[in-house]
Amino acid sequence: MGLNPEAAAADAVAARWELGARAEKETARLLRPLWWRGWRIRHDRRLIGRRFNVDHVLISPGGTAVVVADTKRWHAGRTVTVSAGRLWCGAKERTEDRTGEAEKAARYASAVAAALGMPTEAVWPLLIVHGSTVDGGHVQVATRFGVVQVVAADQVLGVLRAASSGWSWVRCRRVAVRVSVVLPRYTG
């Protein structure tokens, strides 16, 4: 006896959510060493008055940049590439256009920048990909809402370490407190 189609679809959605939750926890574990390099990290935040949550928010050691990171669990064995200005996952007949995910990440970063009162150039959208291989470990795609960095999960520390420069404990703490106020913990 099989499940009815609605139950099968609900099971598939639940399985995807579970995989996504595990990937978010793995990303949190991967990001932990950045704390010792001066980064301040907040996980699972929401923007007051908006209907989305942000998986990870990172404040650079100098307090001059905020990274709005979204964890993605995409198909194992497929490669993420940028071609013709679009973000793709897969090859040949199994290719999926993931540009919409990049656009969403850029929109979230823009909304966070506005809420924090920071210039949009100081708030960086980042997709952290688990499962799929990212071509060269790191690609970027220009969207209507800004450039999004797309990084393989195992490369994220190197990319973020290379991006940070300078230290200002006072400025970093001030921005981290502001992030905690503007983006409280997501409870939904």
N, C-alpha and C. Protein backbone atom coordinates (compact mmCIF):
# COMPACT_ATOMS: atom_id res chain seq x y z
N MET A 1 0.84 -1.18 0.00
CA MET A 1 0.00 0.00 0.00
C MET A 1 0.88 1.24 0.00
N GLY A 2 0.63 2.11 -0.95
CA GLY A 2 1.41 3.33 -1.04
C GLY A 2 0.67 4.50 -0.42
N LEU A 3 1.43 5.54 -0.25
CA LEU A 3 0.85 6.78 0.28
C LEU A 3 0.07 7.47 -0.81
N ASN A 4 -0.89 8.26 -0.42
CA ASN A 4 -1.57 9.06 -1.42
C ASN A 4 -0.62 10.16 -1.89
N PRO A 5 -0.85 10.77 -3.03
CA PRO A 5 0.08 11.77 -3.58
C PRO A 5 0.33 12.95 -2.65
N GLU A 6 -0.68 13.41 -1.92
CA GLU A 6 -0.51 14.54 -1.01
C GLU A 6 0.42 14.17 0.14
N ALA A 7 0.27 12.96 0.67
CA ALA A 7 1.14 12.51 1.77
C ALA A 7 2.57 12.33 1.28
N ALA A 8 2.74 11.79 0.08
CA ALA A 8 4.08 11.61 -0.48
C ALA A 8 4.75 12.96 -0.69
N ALA A 9 4.00 13.95 -1.18
CA ALA A 9 4.55 15.29 -1.38
C ALA A 9 4.93 15.93 -0.04
N ALA A 10 4.09 15.75 0.98
CA ALA A 10 4.39 16.29 2.30
C ALA A 10 5.64 15.63 2.88
N ASP A 11 5.79 14.33 2.69
CA ASP A 11 7.00 13.63 3.15
C ASP A 11 8.25 14.16 2.46
N ALA A 12 8.14 14.42 1.16
CA ALA A 12 9.29 14.94 0.40
C ALA A 12 9.69 16.32 0.91
N VAL A 13 8.72 17.17 1.19
CA VAL A 13 9.00 18.51 1.72
C VAL A 13 9.66 18.40 3.09
N ALA A 14 9.15 17.53 3.94
CA ALA A 14 9.72 17.34 5.29
C ALA A 14 11.16 16.85 5.19
N ALA A 15 11.43 15.95 4.27
CA ALA A 15 12.80 15.44 4.09
C ALA A 15 13.74 16.56 3.63
N ARG A 16 13.28 17.41 2.72
CA ARG A 16 14.11 18.55 2.26
C ARG A 16 14.39 19.51 3.41
N TRP A 17 13.38 19.79 4.24
CA TRP A 17 13.58 20.69 5.39
C TRP A 17 14.59 20.09 6.35
N GLU A 18 14.52 18.78 6.58
CA GLU A 18 15.45 18.12 7.48
C GLU A 18 16.88 18.20 6.95
N LEU A 19 17.06 17.95 5.65
CA LEU A 19 18.40 18.08 5.04
C LEU A 19 18.91 19.51 5.16
N GLY A 20 18.03 20.47 4.92
CA GLY A 20 18.41 21.88 5.04
C GLY A 20 18.81 22.25 6.45
N ALA A 21 18.07 21.75 7.43
CA ALA A 21 18.39 22.04 8.84
C ALA A 21 19.75 21.44 9.21
N ARG A 22 20.02 20.23 8.74
CA ARG A 22 21.32 19.62 9.02
C ARG A 22 22.45 20.42 8.37
N ALA A 23 22.22 20.91 7.15
CA ALA A 23 23.24 21.72 6.47
C ALA A 23 23.49 23.02 7.22
N GLU A 24 22.43 23.65 7.75
CA GLU A 24 22.60 24.88 8.53
C GLU A 24 23.43 24.63 9.78
N LYS A 25 23.18 23.51 10.45
CA LYS A 25 23.98 23.16 11.64
C LYS A 25 25.44 22.91 11.27
N GLU A 26 25.64 22.26 10.14
CA GLU A 26 27.01 22.01 9.67
C GLU A 26 27.71 23.33 9.33
N THR A 27 27.00 24.25 8.71
CA THR A 27 27.58 25.56 8.41
C THR A 27 27.95 26.27 9.71
N ALA A 28 27.08 26.23 10.70
CA ALA A 28 27.38 26.87 11.99
C ALA A 28 28.66 26.29 12.58
N ARG A 29 28.82 24.98 12.49
CA ARG A 29 30.04 24.33 12.98
C ARG A 29 31.26 24.79 12.19
N LEU A 30 31.12 24.88 10.86
CA LEU A 30 32.24 25.32 10.02
C LEU A 30 32.65 26.76 10.30
N LEU A 31 31.69 27.60 10.64
CA LEU A 31 31.97 29.03 10.86
C LEU A 31 32.57 29.30 12.24
N ARG A 32 32.41 28.39 13.17
CA ARG A 32 32.85 28.60 14.55
C ARG A 32 34.29 29.11 14.68
N PRO A 33 35.28 28.59 13.92
CA PRO A 33 36.66 29.09 14.08
C PRO A 33 36.84 30.57 13.76
N LEU A 34 35.90 31.16 13.02
CA LEU A 34 36.01 32.59 12.71
C LEU A 34 35.91 33.44 13.97
N TRP A 35 35.22 32.94 15.00
CA TRP A 35 35.08 33.67 16.26
C TRP A 35 36.46 34.06 16.80
N TRP A 36 37.40 33.12 16.73
CA TRP A 36 38.74 33.36 17.27
C TRP A 36 39.54 34.32 16.40
N ARG A 37 39.04 34.62 15.21
CA ARG A 37 39.68 35.59 14.33
C ARG A 37 38.96 36.94 14.37
N GLY A 38 38.08 37.12 15.35
CA GLY A 38 37.44 38.41 15.56
C GLY A 38 36.06 38.57 14.95
N TRP A 39 35.60 37.59 14.17
CA TRP A 39 34.27 37.67 13.59
C TRP A 39 33.22 37.46 14.68
N ARG A 40 32.09 38.11 14.56
CA ARG A 40 30.95 37.87 15.43
C ARG A 40 29.87 37.25 14.57
N ILE A 41 29.24 36.20 15.08
CA ILE A 41 28.34 35.39 14.27
C ILE A 41 27.00 35.24 14.98
N ARG A 42 25.94 35.41 14.22
CA ARG A 42 24.58 35.19 14.71
C ARG A 42 23.91 34.20 13.75
N HIS A 43 23.21 33.23 14.31
CA HIS A 43 22.54 32.22 13.49
C HIS A 43 21.03 32.35 13.62
N ASP A 44 20.35 31.99 12.54
CA ASP A 44 18.90 31.89 12.51
C ASP A 44 18.22 33.15 13.03
N ARG A 45 18.32 34.20 12.25
CA ARG A 45 17.77 35.52 12.63
C ARG A 45 16.60 35.87 11.74
N ARG A 46 15.80 36.79 12.20
CA ARG A 46 14.68 37.30 11.38
C ARG A 46 14.74 38.81 11.36
N LEU A 47 14.30 39.38 10.28
CA LEU A 47 14.23 40.83 10.16
C LEU A 47 12.83 41.25 10.57
N ILE A 48 12.74 42.09 11.57
CA ILE A 48 11.45 42.52 12.09
C ILE A 48 10.60 43.10 10.96
N GLY A 49 9.36 42.64 10.88
CA GLY A 49 8.44 43.13 9.87
C GLY A 49 8.56 42.44 8.52
N ARG A 50 9.47 41.47 8.40
CA ARG A 50 9.63 40.75 7.12
C ARG A 50 9.32 39.28 7.33
N ARG A 51 9.05 38.57 6.26
CA ARG A 51 8.64 37.17 6.34
C ARG A 51 9.76 36.20 6.03
N PHE A 52 10.99 36.60 6.16
CA PHE A 52 12.08 35.66 5.89
C PHE A 52 13.02 35.60 7.07
N ASN A 53 13.73 34.48 7.15
CA ASN A 53 14.76 34.38 8.17
C ASN A 53 16.12 34.33 7.48
N VAL A 54 17.13 34.72 8.20
CA VAL A 54 18.50 34.72 7.70
C VAL A 54 19.24 33.61 8.44
N ASP A 55 19.84 32.70 7.67
CA ASP A 55 20.51 31.55 8.29
C ASP A 55 21.68 31.97 9.17
N HIS A 56 22.54 32.86 8.65
CA HIS A 56 23.75 33.25 9.38
C HIS A 56 24.06 34.72 9.07
N VAL A 57 24.41 35.48 10.09
CA VAL A 57 24.86 36.85 9.92
C VAL A 57 26.24 36.94 10.57
N LEU A 58 27.21 37.40 9.80
CA LEU A 58 28.58 37.50 10.30
C LEU A 58 29.02 38.95 10.26
N ILE A 59 29.64 39.40 11.33
CA ILE A 59 30.15 40.77 11.41
C ILE A 59 31.67 40.67 11.36
N SER A 60 32.28 41.40 10.42
CA SER A 60 33.73 41.32 10.24
C SER A 60 34.46 41.87 11.47
N PRO A 61 35.71 41.44 11.68
CA PRO A 61 36.48 41.90 12.84
C PRO A 61 36.61 43.42 12.94
N GLY A 62 36.58 44.08 11.80
CA GLY A 62 36.68 45.53 11.83
C GLY A 62 35.34 46.22 11.96
N GLY A 63 34.25 45.44 11.88
CA GLY A 63 32.92 46.02 11.98
C GLY A 63 32.52 46.81 10.74
N THR A 64 33.27 46.62 9.66
CA THR A 64 33.00 47.38 8.44
C THR A 64 32.16 46.61 7.43
N ALA A 65 31.94 45.32 7.69
CA ALA A 65 31.15 44.50 6.76
C ALA A 65 30.27 43.54 7.54
N VAL A 66 29.11 43.29 6.97
CA VAL A 66 28.18 42.30 7.50
C VAL A 66 27.90 41.32 6.36
N VAL A 67 28.04 40.04 6.64
CA VAL A 67 27.77 39.01 5.64
C VAL A 67 26.43 38.37 5.98
N VAL A 68 25.53 38.39 5.01
CA VAL A 68 24.23 37.74 5.15
C VAL A 68 24.33 36.44 4.37
N ALA A 69 24.46 35.33 5.11
CA ALA A 69 24.73 34.03 4.49
C ALA A 69 23.51 33.12 4.54
N ASP A 70 23.28 32.47 3.43
CA ASP A 70 22.18 31.53 3.30
C ASP A 70 22.79 30.16 2.98
N THR A 71 22.49 29.16 3.79
CA THR A 71 22.99 27.81 3.56
C THR A 71 22.06 27.10 2.58
N LYS A 72 22.66 26.42 1.61
CA LYS A 72 21.90 25.64 0.64
C LYS A 72 22.43 24.21 0.61
N ARG A 73 21.53 23.26 0.54
CA ARG A 73 21.89 21.85 0.38
C ARG A 73 21.39 21.45 -0.99
N TRP A 74 22.33 21.40 -1.96
CA TRP A 74 21.96 21.07 -3.33
C TRP A 74 22.43 19.67 -3.66
N HIS A 75 22.07 19.17 -4.82
CA HIS A 75 22.32 17.80 -5.24
C HIS A 75 23.79 17.40 -5.18
N ALA A 76 24.06 16.31 -4.47
CA ALA A 76 25.42 15.76 -4.44
C ALA A 76 25.77 15.27 -5.84
N GLY A 77 27.01 15.45 -6.19
CA GLY A 77 27.47 14.99 -7.50
C GLY A 77 27.23 15.96 -8.63
N ARG A 78 26.61 17.07 -8.36
CA ARG A 78 26.39 18.08 -9.40
C ARG A 78 27.32 19.27 -9.12
N THR A 79 27.61 20.02 -10.16
CA THR A 79 28.52 21.15 -10.04
C THR A 79 27.78 22.46 -10.23
N VAL A 80 28.11 23.43 -9.39
CA VAL A 80 27.53 24.76 -9.47
C VAL A 80 28.45 25.62 -10.32
N THR A 81 27.89 26.25 -11.34
CA THR A 81 28.66 27.10 -12.25
C THR A 81 27.88 28.37 -12.55
N VAL A 82 28.58 29.32 -13.14
CA VAL A 82 27.95 30.53 -13.66
C VAL A 82 28.19 30.54 -15.16
N SER A 83 27.10 30.68 -15.91
CA SER A 83 27.21 30.73 -17.37
C SER A 83 26.13 31.67 -17.89
N ALA A 84 26.51 32.49 -18.83
CA ALA A 84 25.58 33.45 -19.44
C ALA A 84 24.90 34.31 -18.37
N GLY A 85 25.64 34.63 -17.31
CA GLY A 85 25.12 35.50 -16.26
C GLY A 85 24.12 34.84 -15.32
N ARG A 86 24.03 33.50 -15.37
CA ARG A 86 23.07 32.78 -14.53
C ARG A 86 23.79 31.73 -13.71
N LEU A 87 23.21 31.39 -12.56
CA LEU A 87 23.75 30.39 -11.66
C LEU A 87 23.09 29.05 -11.95
N TRP A 88 23.92 28.03 -12.21
CA TRP A 88 23.42 26.71 -12.59
C TRP A 88 23.93 25.65 -11.63
N CYS A 89 23.13 24.63 -11.41
CA CYS A 89 23.54 23.47 -10.63
C CYS A 89 23.26 22.23 -11.47
N GLY A 90 24.33 21.53 -11.88
CA GLY A 90 24.16 20.30 -12.66
C GLY A 90 24.80 20.41 -14.01
N ALA A 91 24.55 19.40 -14.80
CA ALA A 91 25.09 19.34 -16.16
C ALA A 91 24.08 18.69 -17.08
N LYS A 92 24.08 19.14 -18.31
CA LYS A 92 23.22 18.61 -19.38
C LYS A 92 21.76 18.58 -18.97
N GLU A 93 21.10 17.43 -19.08
CA GLU A 93 19.65 17.38 -18.85
C GLU A 93 19.26 17.54 -17.38
N ARG A 94 20.21 17.47 -16.48
CA ARG A 94 19.90 17.61 -15.04
C ARG A 94 20.27 19.00 -14.50
N THR A 95 20.44 19.95 -15.37
CA THR A 95 20.83 21.29 -14.95
C THR A 95 19.60 22.06 -14.42
N GLU A 96 19.80 22.70 -13.28
CA GLU A 96 18.74 23.52 -12.69
C GLU A 96 19.24 24.95 -12.56
N ASP A 97 18.41 25.90 -12.96
CA ASP A 97 18.74 27.32 -12.85
C ASP A 97 18.51 27.74 -11.40
N ARG A 98 19.57 28.16 -10.72
CA ARG A 98 19.47 28.57 -9.32
C ARG A 98 19.65 30.09 -9.15
N THR A 99 19.51 30.83 -10.24
CA THR A 99 19.68 32.27 -10.19
C THR A 99 18.68 32.91 -9.22
N GLY A 100 17.47 32.37 -9.15
CA GLY A 100 16.46 32.89 -8.22
C GLY A 100 16.93 32.83 -6.78
N GLU A 101 17.69 31.80 -6.42
CA GLU A 101 18.23 31.69 -5.06
C GLU A 101 19.25 32.81 -4.80
N ALA A 102 20.05 33.10 -5.81
CA ALA A 102 21.03 34.19 -5.67
C ALA A 102 20.32 35.53 -5.57
N GLU A 103 19.29 35.74 -6.37
CA GLU A 103 18.53 36.99 -6.30
C GLU A 103 17.88 37.16 -4.93
N LYS A 104 17.36 36.08 -4.39
CA LYS A 104 16.74 36.14 -3.06
C LYS A 104 17.79 36.51 -2.01
N ALA A 105 18.97 35.91 -2.10
CA ALA A 105 20.05 36.24 -1.15
C ALA A 105 20.43 37.71 -1.25
N ALA A 106 20.49 38.23 -2.45
CA ALA A 106 20.84 39.65 -2.64
C ALA A 106 19.74 40.56 -2.10
N ARG A 107 18.48 40.18 -2.29
CA ARG A 107 17.37 40.97 -1.74
C ARG A 107 17.41 40.98 -0.21
N TYR A 108 17.68 39.83 0.39
CA TYR A 108 17.79 39.76 1.85
C TYR A 108 18.89 40.68 2.35
N ALA A 109 20.04 40.62 1.69
CA ALA A 109 21.18 41.46 2.11
C ALA A 109 20.82 42.93 1.99
N SER A 110 20.13 43.30 0.93
CA SER A 110 19.71 44.70 0.74
C SER A 110 18.75 45.13 1.85
N ALA A 111 17.81 44.27 2.21
CA ALA A 111 16.86 44.59 3.28
C ALA A 111 17.58 44.72 4.63
N VAL A 112 18.56 43.85 4.86
CA VAL A 112 19.34 43.91 6.11
C VAL A 112 20.15 45.21 6.15
N ALA A 113 20.76 45.58 5.03
CA ALA A 113 21.54 46.83 4.97
C ALA A 113 20.66 48.02 5.33
N ALA A 114 19.48 48.08 4.74
CA ALA A 114 18.57 49.19 5.02
C ALA A 114 18.17 49.21 6.50
N ALA A 115 17.86 48.04 7.05
CA ALA A 115 17.44 47.98 8.46
C ALA A 115 18.57 48.36 9.41
N LEU A 116 19.81 48.02 9.05
CA LEU A 116 20.95 48.37 9.89
C LEU A 116 21.44 49.79 9.67
N GLY A 117 20.94 50.44 8.59
CA GLY A 117 21.41 51.77 8.26
C GLY A 117 22.83 51.75 7.71
N MET A 118 23.18 50.68 7.02
CA MET A 118 24.52 50.54 6.44
C MET A 118 24.42 50.66 4.92
N PRO A 119 25.49 51.10 4.27
CA PRO A 119 25.47 51.11 2.80
C PRO A 119 25.37 49.69 2.26
N THR A 120 24.70 49.51 1.14
CA THR A 120 24.52 48.17 0.59
C THR A 120 25.86 47.51 0.26
N GLU A 121 26.89 48.30 -0.05
CA GLU A 121 28.21 47.72 -0.36
C GLU A 121 28.84 47.08 0.87
N ALA A 122 28.39 47.44 2.06
CA ALA A 122 28.96 46.91 3.30
C ALA A 122 28.25 45.64 3.79
N VAL A 123 27.16 45.27 3.13
CA VAL A 123 26.42 44.06 3.50
C VAL A 123 26.47 43.11 2.32
N TRP A 124 27.15 41.99 2.52
CA TRP A 124 27.47 41.08 1.42
C TRP A 124 26.58 39.85 1.44
N PRO A 125 25.91 39.55 0.33
CA PRO A 125 25.14 38.30 0.24
C PRO A 125 26.07 37.13 -0.09
N LEU A 126 25.83 36.01 0.58
CA LEU A 126 26.67 34.83 0.40
C LEU A 126 25.80 33.59 0.42
N LEU A 127 25.98 32.71 -0.57
CA LEU A 127 25.35 31.40 -0.56
C LEU A 127 26.43 30.38 -0.22
N ILE A 128 26.18 29.58 0.81
CA ILE A 128 27.10 28.52 1.22
C ILE A 128 26.48 27.20 0.80
N VAL A 129 27.14 26.50 -0.12
CA VAL A 129 26.56 25.32 -0.75
C VAL A 129 27.15 24.03 -0.18
N HIS A 130 26.25 23.18 0.28
CA HIS A 130 26.59 21.82 0.72
C HIS A 130 26.10 20.85 -0.36
N GLY A 131 26.76 19.73 -0.48
CA GLY A 131 26.31 18.70 -1.43
C GLY A 131 26.96 18.87 -2.78
N SER A 132 26.55 19.86 -3.52
CA SER A 132 27.11 20.11 -4.84
C SER A 132 28.52 20.68 -4.76
N THR A 133 29.28 20.44 -5.78
CA THR A 133 30.61 21.02 -5.92
C THR A 133 30.45 22.40 -6.55
N VAL A 134 31.18 23.38 -6.05
CA VAL A 134 31.16 24.72 -6.65
C VAL A 134 32.40 24.83 -7.54
N ASP A 135 32.21 25.19 -8.78
CA ASP A 135 33.31 25.30 -9.74
C ASP A 135 34.42 26.19 -9.17
N GLY A 136 35.59 25.61 -8.97
CA GLY A 136 36.70 26.37 -8.42
C GLY A 136 36.56 26.68 -6.94
N GLY A 137 35.53 26.16 -6.29
CA GLY A 137 35.30 26.39 -4.87
C GLY A 137 34.54 27.67 -4.55
N HIS A 138 34.49 28.59 -5.54
CA HIS A 138 33.90 29.90 -5.28
C HIS A 138 33.58 30.56 -6.62
N VAL A 139 32.33 30.96 -6.80
CA VAL A 139 31.93 31.72 -7.99
C VAL A 139 31.12 32.92 -7.53
N GLN A 140 30.91 33.84 -8.42
CA GLN A 140 30.02 34.95 -8.10
C GLN A 140 29.10 35.19 -9.28
N VAL A 141 27.90 35.64 -8.96
CA VAL A 141 26.91 35.90 -9.99
C VAL A 141 26.29 37.27 -9.73
N ALA A 142 26.20 38.05 -10.79
CA ALA A 142 25.55 39.37 -10.70
C ALA A 142 24.05 39.16 -10.87
N THR A 143 23.28 39.74 -9.95
CA THR A 143 21.82 39.68 -10.04
C THR A 143 21.30 41.10 -10.17
N ARG A 144 20.02 41.22 -10.35
CA ARG A 144 19.40 42.55 -10.41
C ARG A 144 19.57 43.29 -9.10
N PHE A 145 19.84 42.56 -8.01
CA PHE A 145 19.89 43.15 -6.68
C PHE A 145 21.30 43.23 -6.13
N GLY A 146 22.30 42.84 -6.90
CA GLY A 146 23.68 42.90 -6.46
C GLY A 146 24.43 41.62 -6.75
N VAL A 147 25.72 41.65 -6.52
CA VAL A 147 26.58 40.50 -6.76
C VAL A 147 26.53 39.57 -5.55
N VAL A 148 26.37 38.30 -5.82
CA VAL A 148 26.29 37.29 -4.76
C VAL A 148 27.49 36.35 -4.90
N GLN A 149 28.17 36.12 -3.78
CA GLN A 149 29.25 35.15 -3.72
C GLN A 149 28.61 33.79 -3.44
N VAL A 150 29.06 32.77 -4.18
CA VAL A 150 28.57 31.40 -3.99
C VAL A 150 29.80 30.56 -3.67
N VAL A 151 29.80 29.93 -2.49
CA VAL A 151 30.99 29.25 -1.99
C VAL A 151 30.65 27.83 -1.56
N ALA A 152 31.54 26.90 -1.89
CA ALA A 152 31.42 25.55 -1.37
C ALA A 152 31.62 25.60 0.14
N ALA A 153 30.87 24.79 0.87
CA ALA A 153 30.94 24.82 2.33
C ALA A 153 32.37 24.64 2.83
N ASP A 154 33.13 23.76 2.19
CA ASP A 154 34.50 23.52 2.66
C ASP A 154 35.47 24.64 2.31
N GLN A 155 35.03 25.63 1.57
CA GLN A 155 35.88 26.77 1.19
C GLN A 155 35.50 28.06 1.89
N VAL A 156 34.41 28.06 2.67
CA VAL A 156 33.87 29.30 3.22
C VAL A 156 34.84 29.98 4.18
N LEU A 157 35.55 29.23 5.00
CA LEU A 157 36.49 29.86 5.93
C LEU A 157 37.58 30.64 5.19
N GLY A 158 38.16 30.03 4.17
CA GLY A 158 39.21 30.70 3.41
C GLY A 158 38.72 31.96 2.73
N VAL A 159 37.52 31.91 2.17
CA VAL A 159 36.96 33.07 1.48
C VAL A 159 36.72 34.21 2.48
N LEU A 160 36.14 33.90 3.63
CA LEU A 160 35.85 34.95 4.61
C LEU A 160 37.12 35.48 5.27
N ARG A 161 38.08 34.62 5.55
CA ARG A 161 39.34 35.10 6.11
C ARG A 161 40.04 36.06 5.15
N ALA A 162 40.00 35.74 3.86
CA ALA A 162 40.64 36.59 2.86
C ALA A 162 39.92 37.93 2.71
N ALA A 163 38.62 37.94 2.98
CA ALA A 163 37.83 39.16 2.80
C ALA A 163 37.98 40.15 3.95
N SER A 164 38.32 39.66 5.14
CA SER A 164 38.36 40.57 6.28
C SER A 164 39.70 41.29 6.35
N SER A 165 39.63 42.53 6.77
CA SER A 165 40.86 43.29 6.97
C SER A 165 40.64 44.27 8.11
N GLY A 166 41.66 44.41 8.93
CA GLY A 166 41.59 45.35 10.04
C GLY A 166 40.77 44.83 11.21
N TRP A 167 41.03 45.41 12.35
CA TRP A 167 40.34 45.05 13.57
C TRP A 167 39.87 46.31 14.28
N SER A 168 38.68 46.27 14.78
CA SER A 168 38.18 47.32 15.65
C SER A 168 37.15 46.67 16.56
N TRP A 169 37.61 46.28 17.76
CA TRP A 169 36.70 45.61 18.68
C TRP A 169 35.49 46.47 18.99
N VAL A 170 35.70 47.77 19.13
CA VAL A 170 34.60 48.67 19.48
C VAL A 170 33.57 48.72 18.35
N ARG A 171 34.03 48.95 17.14
CA ARG A 171 33.10 49.03 16.00
C ARG A 171 32.43 47.68 15.75
N CYS A 172 33.18 46.59 15.84
CA CYS A 172 32.63 45.26 15.63
C CYS A 172 31.53 44.97 16.66
N ARG A 173 31.81 45.28 17.91
CA ARG A 173 30.81 45.04 18.96
C ARG A 173 29.58 45.91 18.75
N ARG A 174 29.78 47.16 18.36
CA ARG A 174 28.64 48.06 18.13
C ARG A 174 27.75 47.51 17.01
N VAL A 175 28.35 47.06 15.93
CA VAL A 175 27.57 46.50 14.82
C VAL A 175 26.89 45.20 15.25
N ALA A 176 27.60 44.36 16.01
CA ALA A 176 27.03 43.08 16.47
C ALA A 176 25.81 43.32 17.36
N VAL A 177 25.88 44.32 18.23
CA VAL A 177 24.73 44.64 19.09
C VAL A 177 23.57 45.13 18.23
N ARG A 178 23.87 45.96 17.26
CA ARG A 178 22.82 46.47 16.35
C ARG A 178 22.17 45.31 15.59
N VAL A 179 22.99 44.38 15.10
CA VAL A 179 22.46 43.20 14.40
C VAL A 179 21.52 42.42 15.32
N SER A 180 21.92 42.23 16.58
CA SER A 180 21.09 41.46 17.51
C SER A 180 19.75 42.14 17.79
N VAL A 181 19.74 43.47 17.78
CA VAL A 181 18.50 44.21 18.01
C VAL A 181 17.61 44.18 16.77
N VAL A 182 18.19 44.48 15.62
CA VAL A 182 17.43 44.58 14.37
C VAL A 182 17.02 43.21 13.84
N LEU A 183 17.87 42.21 14.11
CA LEU A 183 17.60 40.85 13.64
C LEU A 183 17.54 39.91 14.86
N PRO A 184 16.41 39.89 15.55
CA PRO A 184 16.31 39.00 16.71
C PRO A 184 16.27 37.54 16.26
N ARG A 185 16.41 36.66 17.21
CA ARG A 185 16.40 35.24 16.94
C ARG A 185 15.08 34.83 16.29
N TYR A 186 15.16 33.98 15.27
CA TYR A 186 13.98 33.46 14.59
C TYR A 186 13.36 32.36 15.45
N THR A 187 12.08 32.44 15.69
CA THR A 187 11.42 31.44 16.53
C THR A 187 10.29 30.72 15.82
N GLY A 188 10.10 30.96 14.53
CA GLY A 188 8.96 30.37 13.81
C GLY A 188 9.20 29.02 13.24
